[in-house]
C-alpha atoms as a PDB file:
ATOM      1  CA  UNK A   1    -221.976-165.079   7.297  1.00  0.00           C
ATOM      2  CA  UNK A   2    -223.222-161.602   6.640  1.00  0.00           C
ATOM      3  CA  UNK A   3    -225.935-160.625   9.110  1.00  0.00           C
ATOM      4  CA  UNK A   4    -226.489-157.087   7.857  1.00  0.00           C
ATOM      5  CA  UNK A   5    -228.222-157.945   4.583  1.00  0.00           C
ATOM      6  CA  UNK A   6    -231.714-158.407   5.973  1.00  0.00           C
ATOM      7  CA  UNK A   7    -231.399-155.387   8.288  1.00  0.00           C
ATOM      8  CA  UNK A   8    -231.054-152.976   5.363  1.00  0.00           C
ATOM      9  CA  UNK A   9    -234.760-153.032   4.590  1.00  0.00           C
ATOM     10  CA  UNK A  10    -235.902-151.586   7.892  1.00  0.00           C
ATOM     11  CA  UNK A  11    -233.586-148.581   7.989  1.00  0.00           C
ATOM     12  CA  UNK A  12    -235.379-145.739   9.804  1.00  0.00           C
ATOM     13  CA  UNK A  13    -236.242-142.732   7.649  1.00  0.00           C
ATOM     14  CA  UNK A  14    -234.130-139.613   7.941  1.00  0.00           C
ATOM     15  CA  UNK A  15    -235.794-136.274   8.809  1.00  0.00           C
ATOM     16  CA  UNK A  16    -236.171-133.702   6.041  1.00  0.00           C
ATOM     17  CA  UNK A  17    -233.227-131.317   5.615  1.00  0.00           C
ATOM     18  CA  UNK A  18    -230.930-133.743   7.461  1.00  0.00           C
ATOM     19  CA  UNK A  19    -228.361-136.322   6.453  1.00  0.00           C
ATOM     20  CA  UNK A  20    -228.215-139.639   8.277  1.00  0.00           C
ATOM     21  CA  UNK A  21    -225.193-141.887   8.346  1.00  0.00           C
ATOM     22  CA  UNK A  22    -224.736-145.226  10.016  1.00  0.00           C
ATOM     23  CA  UNK A  23    -222.262-145.088  12.880  1.00  0.00           C
ATOM     24  CA  UNK A  24    -219.308-147.448  13.009  1.00  0.00           C
ATOM     25  CA  UNK A  25    -220.552-149.462  15.956  1.00  0.00           C
ATOM     26  CA  UNK A  26    -224.322-149.101  15.939  1.00  0.00           C
ATOM     27  CA  UNK A  27    -226.874-146.389  15.659  1.00  0.00           C
ATOM     28  CA  UNK A  28    -227.421-143.453  13.355  1.00  0.00           C
ATOM     29  CA  UNK A  29    -225.742-140.056  13.267  1.00  0.00           C
ATOM     30  CA  UNK A  30    -228.183-137.315  12.221  1.00  0.00           C
ATOM     31  CA  UNK A  31    -226.662-134.100  10.853  1.00  0.00           C
ATOM     32  CA  UNK A  32    -228.873-131.076  10.156  1.00  0.00           C
ATOM     33  CA  UNK A  33    -226.267-128.320   9.824  1.00  0.00           C
ATOM     34  CA  UNK A  34    -227.262-125.002   8.243  1.00  0.00           C
ATOM     35  CA  UNK A  35    -230.772-126.305   7.511  1.00  0.00           C
ATOM     36  CA  UNK A  36    -232.553-123.155   8.796  1.00  0.00           C
ATOM     37  CA  UNK A  37    -234.510-125.317  11.222  1.00  0.00           C
ATOM     38  CA  UNK A  38    -236.298-123.556  14.074  1.00  0.00           C
ATOM     39  CA  UNK A  39    -237.035-126.740  15.997  1.00  0.00           C
ATOM     40  CA  UNK A  40    -235.522-130.163  16.574  1.00  0.00           C
ATOM     41  CA  UNK A  41    -236.972-132.670  14.070  1.00  0.00           C
ATOM     42  CA  UNK A  42    -239.642-134.841  15.678  1.00  0.00           C
ATOM     43  CA  UNK A  43    -239.097-137.822  13.387  1.00  0.00           C
ATOM     44  CA  UNK A  44    -235.613-138.784  14.519  1.00  0.00           C
ATOM     45  CA  UNK A  45    -234.787-142.482  14.163  1.00  0.00           C
ATOM     46  CA  UNK A  46    -235.006-144.278  17.514  1.00  0.00           C
ATOM     47  CA  UNK A  47    -231.447-145.513  16.914  1.00  0.00           C
ATOM     48  CA  UNK A  48    -230.027-141.955  16.820  1.00  0.00           C
ATOM     49  CA  UNK A  49    -226.748-141.725  18.744  1.00  0.00           C
ATOM     50  CA  UNK A  50    -225.696-138.211  17.678  1.00  0.00           C
ATOM     51  CA  UNK A  51    -227.727-135.155  16.724  1.00  0.00           C
ATOM     52  CA  UNK A  52    -225.627-132.510  14.996  1.00  0.00           C
ATOM     53  CA  UNK A  53    -227.490-129.236  14.403  1.00  0.00           C
ATOM     54  CA  UNK A  54    -225.069-126.277  14.274  1.00  0.00           C
ATOM     55  CA  UNK A  55    -225.929-123.041  12.461  1.00  0.00           C
ATOM     56  CA  UNK A  56    -229.714-123.316  12.570  1.00  0.00           C
ATOM     57  CA  UNK A  57    -232.408-121.013  13.944  1.00  0.00           C
ATOM     58  CA  UNK A  58    -233.130-123.000  17.083  1.00  0.00           C
ATOM     59  CA  UNK A  59    -234.442-120.840  19.875  1.00  0.00           C
ATOM     60  CA  UNK A  60    -235.507-122.674  22.992  1.00  0.00           C
ATOM     61  CA  UNK A  61    -234.979-126.429  23.011  1.00  0.00           C
ATOM     62  CA  UNK A  62    -238.084-127.995  24.508  1.00  0.00           C
ATOM     63  CA  UNK A  63    -237.470-131.076  26.608  1.00  0.00           C
ATOM     64  CA  UNK A  64    -240.867-132.592  25.904  1.00  0.00           C
ATOM     65  CA  UNK A  65    -239.965-136.245  25.919  1.00  0.00           C
ATOM     66  CA  UNK A  66    -238.271-136.239  22.515  1.00  0.00           C
ATOM     67  CA  UNK A  67    -234.851-137.113  23.915  1.00  0.00           C
ATOM     68  CA  UNK A  68    -236.357-139.666  26.291  1.00  0.00           C
ATOM     69  CA  UNK A  69    -237.418-141.697  23.246  1.00  0.00           C
ATOM     70  CA  UNK A  70    -233.797-141.828  22.061  1.00  0.00           C
ATOM     71  CA  UNK A  71    -232.087-144.149  24.555  1.00  0.00           C
ATOM     72  CA  UNK A  72    -228.785-144.289  22.641  1.00  0.00           C
ATOM     73  CA  UNK A  73    -228.375-140.526  22.155  1.00  0.00           C
ATOM     74  CA  UNK A  74    -224.960-139.538  23.520  1.00  0.00           C
ATOM     75  CA  UNK A  75    -223.962-136.448  21.517  1.00  0.00           C
ATOM     76  CA  UNK A  76    -225.757-133.159  20.880  1.00  0.00           C
ATOM     77  CA  UNK A  77    -224.312-130.230  18.937  1.00  0.00           C
ATOM     78  CA  UNK A  78    -226.381-127.026  18.954  1.00  0.00           C
ATOM     79  CA  UNK A  79    -223.564-124.523  18.290  1.00  0.00           C
ATOM     80  CA  UNK A  80    -224.300-121.164  16.658  1.00  0.00           C
ATOM     81  CA  UNK A  81    -228.046-121.281  17.068  1.00  0.00           C
ATOM     82  CA  UNK A  82    -230.588-118.630  17.863  1.00  0.00           C
ATOM     83  CA  UNK A  83    -232.712-116.194  15.959  1.00  0.00           C
ATOM     84  CA  UNK A  84    -230.691-114.039  13.609  1.00  0.00           C
END
């Protein structure tokens, strides 16, 4: 039987300016490339496994407990960031 049908309703919301896609195994991949963001989104789904944010305006990444709330996070991509 299909077990994924009832799980569709409680899909976590995706942050503004980002695209979320379900990973093959489990979890959510959040991509915010070229979104002109100056900070990491605070409303990341708790099931985030990858946060892809190249080509934004991120300055200093504050480690203020945000990543501690994402136990499955295994990939970060902050290439080409910084104030232009």
